[in-house]
Protein backbone atom coordinates (compact mmCIF):
# COMPACT_ATOMS: atom_id res chain seq x y z
CA MET A 1 13.29 8.88 20.45
CA HIS A 2 12.77 12.15 19.10
CA SER A 3 9.65 13.64 18.05
CA ILE A 4 8.75 16.50 15.85
CA GLN A 5 7.81 18.33 19.08
CA ASP A 6 7.13 17.46 22.69
CA ARG A 7 3.51 16.82 21.83
CA PRO A 8 3.06 16.51 18.35
CA SER A 9 -0.64 17.17 17.33
CA VAL A 10 -1.82 14.03 14.75
CA SER A 11 -4.88 13.69 12.40
CA ILE A 12 -6.43 10.69 11.53
CA ILE A 13 -7.88 11.17 7.90
CA ILE A 14 -10.47 8.41 7.00
CA ALA A 15 -11.38 7.98 3.65
CA ASN A 16 -14.90 6.82 3.03
CA TYR A 17 -16.90 5.74 -0.17
CA ASN A 18 -20.04 3.46 0.70
CA TYR A 19 -18.40 1.43 3.59
CA ALA A 20 -21.35 2.71 6.15
CA HIS A 21 -20.95 -1.09 7.21
CA PHE A 22 -17.60 -0.82 8.40
CA LEU A 23 -17.19 2.94 8.99
CA PRO A 24 -18.46 2.89 12.64
CA ARG A 25 -15.51 0.35 13.22
CA ALA A 26 -12.47 2.38 11.64
CA ILE A 27 -14.13 6.15 13.42
CA ASP A 28 -14.44 4.40 16.72
CA SER A 29 -10.81 3.20 16.98
CA ALA A 30 -9.52 6.50 16.06
CA LEU A 31 -11.30 8.63 18.57
CA SER A 32 -10.37 5.55 20.95
CA GLN A 33 -6.62 6.51 20.49
CA HIS A 34 -4.65 6.67 24.07
CA TYR A 35 -3.07 9.97 22.90
CA GLY A 36 -4.66 13.19 24.28
CA ASP A 37 -4.22 15.55 20.69
CA VAL A 38 -5.62 13.55 17.94
CA GLU A 39 -8.28 15.09 15.41
CA VAL A 40 -10.58 12.45 13.46
CA ILE A 41 -11.70 13.90 10.07
CA VAL A 42 -13.89 11.70 7.70
CA ALA A 43 -13.61 12.51 4.06
CA ASP A 44 -16.27 11.13 2.33
CA ASP A 45 -16.36 10.73 -1.23
CA ALA A 46 -19.98 11.35 -2.44
CA SER A 47 -21.34 8.33 -0.68
CA THR A 48 -24.66 6.79 -2.11
CA ASP A 49 -25.17 4.23 1.05
CA ASN A 50 -26.14 5.79 4.52
CA SER A 51 -22.33 6.83 5.28
CA ALA A 52 -23.86 10.39 5.90
CA GLU A 53 -25.85 9.15 8.45
CA VAL A 54 -23.36 7.18 10.22
CA ILE A 55 -21.14 10.31 10.14
CA ALA A 56 -23.54 12.77 11.38
CA SER A 57 -24.27 10.61 14.38
CA TYR A 58 -21.11 11.17 15.87
CA GLY A 59 -21.80 15.05 16.00
CA ASN A 60 -18.95 17.55 16.94
CA ARG A 61 -16.12 14.37 17.83
CA ILE A 62 -15.62 14.36 14.33
CA LYS A 63 -14.83 16.66 11.53
CA ALA A 64 -16.84 15.62 8.67
CA CYS A 65 -15.78 16.49 4.88
CA ARG A 66 -18.47 15.55 2.35
CA ARG A 67 -17.53 15.88 -1.18
CA LYS A 68 -19.97 16.93 -3.47
CA ALA A 69 -18.89 14.33 -6.47
CA ASN A 70 -17.01 11.34 -6.22
CA GLY A 71 -13.46 11.71 -7.03
CA GLY A 72 -11.59 8.46 -5.83
CA HIS A 73 -9.14 7.81 -3.00
CA GLY A 74 -6.54 10.66 -4.24
CA ALA A 75 -9.40 13.20 -4.00
CA ALA A 76 -10.57 11.87 -0.71
CA PHE A 77 -6.96 12.27 0.63
CA ASN A 78 -6.91 15.78 -0.75
CA THR A 79 -9.96 16.60 0.78
CA GLY A 80 -9.12 15.43 4.31
CA PHE A 81 -5.72 16.76 4.20
CA ALA A 82 -7.15 20.06 3.47
CA ALA A 83 -8.99 20.00 6.55
CA SER A 84 -6.19 18.91 8.89
CA ARG A 85 -3.90 20.45 11.08
CA GLY A 86 -1.72 17.72 12.94
CA GLY A 87 2.04 17.64 12.44
CA ILE A 88 1.59 13.78 12.43
CA VAL A 89 -1.08 12.68 9.90
CA LEU A 90 -2.34 9.19 9.42
CA PHE A 91 -4.68 8.03 6.33
CA LEU A 92 -7.07 5.27 7.44
CA ASP A 93 -9.39 3.43 4.99
CA ALA A 94 -13.15 3.15 6.01
CA ASP A 95 -12.81 -0.45 6.11
CA ASP A 96 -9.72 -0.92 8.46
CA TYR A 97 -9.25 0.23 11.91
CA LEU A 98 -6.38 1.06 14.68
CA TYR A 99 -5.57 -0.28 17.88
CA PRO A 100 -6.02 1.84 20.70
CA GLU A 101 -2.08 2.33 21.20
CA ALA A 102 -1.31 3.00 17.70
CA VAL A 103 -0.79 6.99 17.61
CA SER A 104 1.25 6.68 21.30
CA GLU A 105 3.28 4.28 19.52
CA ILE A 106 3.95 6.42 16.63
CA VAL A 107 4.36 9.47 18.42
CA ALA A 108 7.09 7.64 20.67
CA ASN A 109 8.93 6.35 17.91
CA TRP A 110 8.81 9.32 15.91
CA GLU A 111 12.25 11.13 15.14
CA ASP A 112 12.93 14.61 13.94
CA ASP A 113 14.13 13.74 10.54
CA THR A 114 11.07 11.20 9.84
CA ALA A 115 8.87 11.73 7.04
CA GLN A 116 6.94 8.43 6.95
CA MET A 117 6.43 5.58 9.65
CA GLN A 118 4.99 2.29 8.51
CA PHE A 119 4.08 -0.56 11.02
CA ARG A 120 2.47 -4.20 10.21
CA LEU A 121 -1.25 -4.99 10.34
CA HIS A 122 -3.38 -8.35 11.65
CA LEU A 123 -5.24 -9.31 8.40
CA VAL A 124 -8.70 -9.90 9.50
CA ASP A 125 -11.71 -11.35 7.81
CA GLU A 126 -15.39 -9.13 8.07
CA ARG A 127 -15.80 -10.78 11.45
CA GLN A 128 -12.61 -8.97 12.38
CA ARG A 129 -11.31 -12.53 12.99
CA ILE A 130 -7.16 -12.23 12.88
CA LYS A 131 -6.36 -14.31 9.69
CA ASP A 132 -2.38 -13.26 9.12
CA ILE A 133 0.03 -10.44 9.57
CA PHE A 134 0.86 -8.05 6.46
CA PRO A 135 3.13 -7.24 5.33
CA PRO A 136 4.30 -11.07 6.50
CA PRO A 137 6.89 -10.97 9.35
CA GLN A 138 9.50 -12.77 7.31
CA VAL A 139 9.41 -9.81 4.61
CA PRO A 140 11.62 -7.10 6.32
CA PHE A 141 10.42 -3.48 5.89
CA ASP A 142 13.11 -1.42 4.59
CA SER A 143 13.98 1.69 6.48
CA GLY A 144 16.15 5.11 7.10
CA ASP A 145 17.12 6.68 3.40
CA VAL A 146 15.40 4.57 1.10
CA THR A 147 15.75 7.02 -1.52
CA PRO A 148 18.59 4.56 -3.49
CA GLN A 149 16.24 1.95 -3.89
CA LEU A 150 13.67 4.41 -5.26
CA LEU A 151 15.80 5.92 -7.72
CA ARG A 152 17.05 2.85 -8.85
CA ARG A 153 14.04 0.41 -8.78
CA ALA A 154 11.14 2.70 -7.86
CA ARG A 155 9.75 0.32 -5.07
CA TYR A 156 10.97 -0.39 -1.56
CA GLN A 157 9.23 -2.42 1.05
CA THR A 158 6.37 -0.76 2.66
CA THR A 159 2.82 -1.32 3.45
CA VAL A 160 -1.03 -0.02 2.62
CA THR A 161 -2.49 2.81 3.68
CA SER A 162 -3.73 2.09 7.08
CA GLY A 163 -0.44 0.81 8.20
CA LEU A 164 1.17 4.41 7.62
CA ALA A 165 1.85 7.88 9.18
CA PHE A 166 3.56 10.75 7.54
CA ALA A 167 5.23 14.12 8.74
CA ARG A 168 2.85 16.92 7.68
CA SER A 169 6.28 18.61 6.13
CA ALA A 170 6.64 15.97 3.49
CA LEU A 171 3.07 15.78 2.74
CA ASP A 172 2.83 19.73 2.16
CA VAL A 173 5.59 19.14 -0.38
CA ILE A 174 3.56 16.12 -2.20
CA ILE A 175 -0.11 17.22 -1.78
CA PRO A 176 -2.19 17.28 -3.91
CA VAL A 177 -2.49 14.01 -4.90
CA PRO A 178 -3.13 13.97 -8.76
CA GLU A 179 -6.57 12.82 -8.87
CA SER A 180 -7.35 11.42 -12.26
CA GLU A 181 -3.56 9.52 -12.10
CA PHE A 182 -4.62 7.92 -8.47
CA ARG A 183 -8.29 7.36 -8.38
CA GLN A 184 -7.54 4.20 -6.56
CA GLY A 185 -4.16 3.30 -4.75
CA ALA A 186 -3.22 7.07 -3.70
CA ASP A 187 -1.07 5.68 -1.17
CA GLY A 188 1.10 4.42 -3.72
CA TYR A 189 1.71 7.82 -4.48
CA LEU A 190 2.67 9.02 -0.79
CA VAL A 191 5.12 6.12 -0.07
CA THR A 192 6.88 6.70 -3.41
CA LEU A 193 7.70 10.59 -2.77
CA ALA A 194 7.51 11.12 1.05
CA PRO A 195 10.94 9.27 1.64
CA LEU A 196 12.36 11.99 -0.77
CA TYR A 197 11.99 14.51 2.13
CA GLY A 198 13.22 12.50 4.98
CA LYS A 199 13.69 8.97 6.53
CA VAL A 200 11.28 5.87 6.81
CA THR A 201 11.06 4.60 10.32
CA SER A 202 9.54 1.46 10.58
CA LEU A 203 7.79 -0.61 13.73
CA ASP A 204 7.68 -4.42 13.62
CA VAL A 205 4.34 -4.41 15.43
CA CYS A 206 0.57 -4.80 14.96
CA LEU A 207 -1.19 -1.29 15.43
CA GLY A 208 -4.33 -1.97 13.28
CA ALA A 209 -6.37 -4.77 11.13
CA TYR A 210 -6.65 -4.84 7.45
CA ARG A 211 -9.66 -6.05 6.84
CA MET A 212 -9.98 -8.50 3.69
CA HIS A 213 -13.36 -8.82 1.94
CA GLY A 214 -15.08 -8.88 -1.56
CA ASN A 215 -14.82 -5.18 -2.28
CA ASN A 216 -11.35 -4.36 -1.62
CA HIS A 217 -10.02 -2.81 -4.70
CA SER A 218 -6.94 -4.58 -3.83
CA VAL A 219 -9.06 -8.01 -4.59
CA PHE A 220 -9.51 -9.41 -8.18
CA ALA A 221 -9.22 -12.76 -7.24
CA GLU A 222 -11.63 -13.69 -10.40
CA LYS A 223 -10.00 -10.83 -12.54
CA LEU A 224 -6.45 -11.83 -12.30
CA GLY A 225 -5.65 -9.89 -15.58
CA GLN A 226 -7.49 -6.55 -14.42
CA ARG A 227 -5.92 -6.67 -11.84
CA ALA A 228 -2.40 -7.02 -13.20
CA ARG A 229 -2.95 -4.21 -15.74
CA TRP A 230 -4.04 -1.69 -13.11
CA ARG A 231 -1.35 -2.56 -11.30
CA VAL A 232 0.88 -2.10 -13.94
CA GLU A 233 -0.52 0.83 -15.02
CA HIS A 234 -0.19 2.26 -11.26
CA ASP A 235 3.27 1.52 -11.01
CA PHE A 236 3.99 3.83 -14.58
CA HIS A 237 1.73 6.68 -12.92
CA ARG A 238 4.38 6.16 -9.80
CA LEU A 239 7.11 6.39 -11.77
CA GLN A 240 6.00 9.56 -13.44
CA ALA A 241 5.54 11.34 -10.42
CA LEU A 242 8.96 9.78 -8.39
CA ALA A 243 10.94 11.22 -11.89
CA ASP A 244 9.07 14.77 -11.70
CA GLN A 245 9.47 15.11 -7.75
CA ALA A 246 12.76 13.60 -7.74
CA GLY A 247 14.24 16.40 -10.56
CA ASP A 248 12.68 19.30 -8.31
CA VAL A 249 15.12 17.91 -5.84
CA GLY A 250 18.18 17.28 -8.16
CA LEU A 251 17.86 13.83 -8.31
CA GLU A 252 17.10 11.17 -11.21
CA VAL A 253 15.32 8.52 -11.40
CA ARG A 254 16.69 5.11 -13.50
CA PRO A 255 14.16 5.15 -16.60
CA ASP A 256 13.97 1.76 -16.49
CA ALA A 257 13.50 1.48 -12.78
CA ASN A 258 10.37 -0.59 -13.29
CA LEU A 259 12.20 -3.30 -14.70
CA ARG A 260 14.44 -3.47 -11.68
CA ASP A 261 11.50 -4.45 -9.25
CA PRO A 262 10.03 -7.79 -9.08
CA VAL A 263 6.71 -6.65 -8.06
CA HIS A 264 6.02 -4.83 -11.02
CA LEU A 265 7.58 -7.49 -13.33
CA GLU A 266 5.47 -10.12 -11.53
CA GLU A 267 2.18 -8.55 -12.03
CA ARG A 268 3.67 -7.31 -15.67
CA LEU A 269 4.45 -10.85 -16.86
CA ALA A 270 0.63 -11.57 -15.43
CA SER A 271 -0.97 -9.09 -17.44
CA LEU A 272 0.77 -10.31 -20.47
CA CYS A 273 0.05 -13.92 -19.71
CA VAL A 274 -3.56 -13.65 -19.01
CA ASP A 275 -4.74 -11.02 -21.84
CA SER A 276 -2.03 -10.11 -24.09
CA ARG A 277 -4.46 -8.22 -26.32
CA ARG A 278 -5.28 -5.62 -23.50
CA HIS A 279 -1.45 -5.70 -21.80
CA PRO A 280 -0.43 -2.25 -21.88
CA VAL A 281 3.18 -2.72 -23.37
CA ALA A 282 3.30 -3.92 -27.05
CA GLU A 283 6.91 -4.96 -27.08
CA ASP A 284 6.95 -7.02 -23.88
CA SER A 285 7.64 -11.05 -24.16
CA ARG A 286 6.96 -13.60 -21.67
CA LEU A 287 11.13 -15.10 -21.53
CA ALA A 288 12.63 -11.10 -21.19
CA LEU A 289 10.14 -10.28 -18.27
CA ALA A 290 10.98 -13.32 -16.76
CA THR A 291 14.63 -13.20 -17.38
CA ALA A 292 14.20 -9.82 -15.54
CA GLY A 293 12.32 -10.65 -12.98
CA ALA A 294 14.74 -13.77 -11.68
CA VAL A 295 17.54 -11.17 -11.45
CA ALA A 296 15.58 -8.51 -9.88
CA SER A 297 14.85 -11.17 -7.30
CA MET A 298 18.29 -11.79 -6.12
CA ASP A 299 18.80 -8.16 -5.10
CA MET A 300 15.72 -8.37 -2.94
CA ASN A 301 15.96 -7.84 1.17
CA VAL A 302 15.04 -11.16 1.78
CA SER A 303 16.71 -14.47 2.59
CA LEU A 304 18.71 -16.02 -0.22
CA ARG A 305 16.44 -18.99 -0.22
CA ARG A 306 13.49 -17.19 -0.69
CA ARG A 307 14.97 -15.29 -3.31
CA ALA A 308 16.08 -18.17 -5.24
CA MET A 309 12.43 -19.87 -5.02
CA LEU A 310 11.23 -16.47 -6.59
CA ALA A 311 13.72 -16.28 -9.31
CA ALA A 312 12.67 -19.99 -10.39
CA TRP A 313 9.01 -18.85 -10.35
CA PHE A 314 9.78 -16.21 -13.00
CA LEU A 315 11.89 -18.70 -14.79
CA SER A 316 9.05 -21.24 -15.27
CA VAL A 317 6.39 -18.63 -15.94
CA GLY A 318 8.78 -17.35 -18.72
CA LEU A 319 9.63 -20.63 -20.28
CA LEU A 320 6.78 -23.03 -19.64
CA PRO A 321 4.12 -23.71 -22.30
CA GLN A 322 1.34 -20.86 -22.22
CA ARG A 323 -1.19 -22.83 -20.20
CA MET A 324 1.33 -24.44 -17.72
CA ALA A 325 2.78 -20.77 -17.36
CA LYS A 326 -0.70 -19.59 -16.69
CA ALA A 327 -1.16 -21.96 -13.89
CA VAL A 328 1.78 -21.40 -12.04
CA LEU A 329 1.43 -17.64 -12.38
CA SER A 330 -2.10 -18.24 -10.81
CA TRP A 331 -0.93 -20.50 -8.20
CA LYS A 332 1.12 -17.70 -6.64
CA LEU A 333 -0.48 -14.82 -7.20
CA VAL A 334 -4.80 -16.18 -6.32
CA ALA A 335 -4.49 -18.46 -3.54
CA SER A 336 -7.69 -19.57 -3.93
CA SER A 337 -6.74 -21.04 -7.08
CA ARG A 338 -4.05 -23.41 -5.78
CA PRO A 339 -4.74 -27.19 -5.51
CA ALA A 340 -5.11 -28.48 -1.71
CA VAL A 341 -1.38 -29.82 -1.89
CA LEU A 342 0.03 -26.98 -3.37
CA ALA A 343 -1.66 -24.86 -0.81
CA ARG A 344 -0.36 -26.88 2.11
CA LEU A 345 3.01 -26.96 0.46
CA SER A 346 3.29 -23.08 0.19
CA ARG A 347 2.15 -22.68 4.09
CA THR A 348 4.55 -24.94 5.18
CA ILE A 349 7.25 -23.16 2.95
CA ARG A 350 6.11 -19.75 4.33
CA HIS A 351 7.32 -20.62 7.31
CA VAL A 352 10.09 -22.34 6.94
CA VAL A 353 11.77 -19.81 4.45
CA GLY A 354 12.55 -16.96 6.74
């Protein structure tokens, strides 16, 4: 593989807010990389727990950047990036961690035209026990030039913050992250815009761990409607940022791109079903969203069987009576809500359908 230089420097930026309990594991994992030129930056977003003491205990082995006021995910990214120098930049959430070979693997597979690299993560619990892989192995990453997918449906198959690495050249163009729009989910902003400036390279290996616990921003098991509304609005912010950035490079995003994205349509349908009074799009209807979702499902980069199953799920949520539709919807989006027999069936289907 061709690297951006013979031995590119690498920055690992750890974004932290009140994760003092998890932070040492994240910092230790960054400091333990089997690669020489790595700087570790901790961008602390005005934590109120004992994160400051944890950070201070590492002395000059890390670069500490403490924000005076809490600004959210995007603000922490901006602060850490401003202090960094690496030609390749990783953003690591403070509750996650990397494996020692992560940076070496990233550099070994980096090419001159790579803007973003993505890799899989082990899903682990609070005790670091491996529970699964994210994204699931049967869901292929999208790689290469993903711009056509972005322009058409504003999404491609990627991953979360801790499974990503970026070329500094791409980040220089798209950072600062808009802080009010991306208080959470700043990785969504980066993965939406970075591919406009190079290709996406994917590694089908687990190079770190994505820790699942009750305080993850992405975990709203008991607040399905709240989660869905946030994700719908987050997608609108991503689409606007994409449209603005695409215009700067002479490209045009489809104005109805979100309506071609099954992930967006799933959350939009959830928002409407669970709490229609607070749903952000007044003109939406269950049937219209479900129909769009079924059509979009058939265009996904997964097996035909998997596409057909998702399309059938969309149509069932759109056509069933409201109460039954809510149950079917929650069974898919919140694993803990599934009856035991359905949970077993879901696990079986997942391993059978590739």
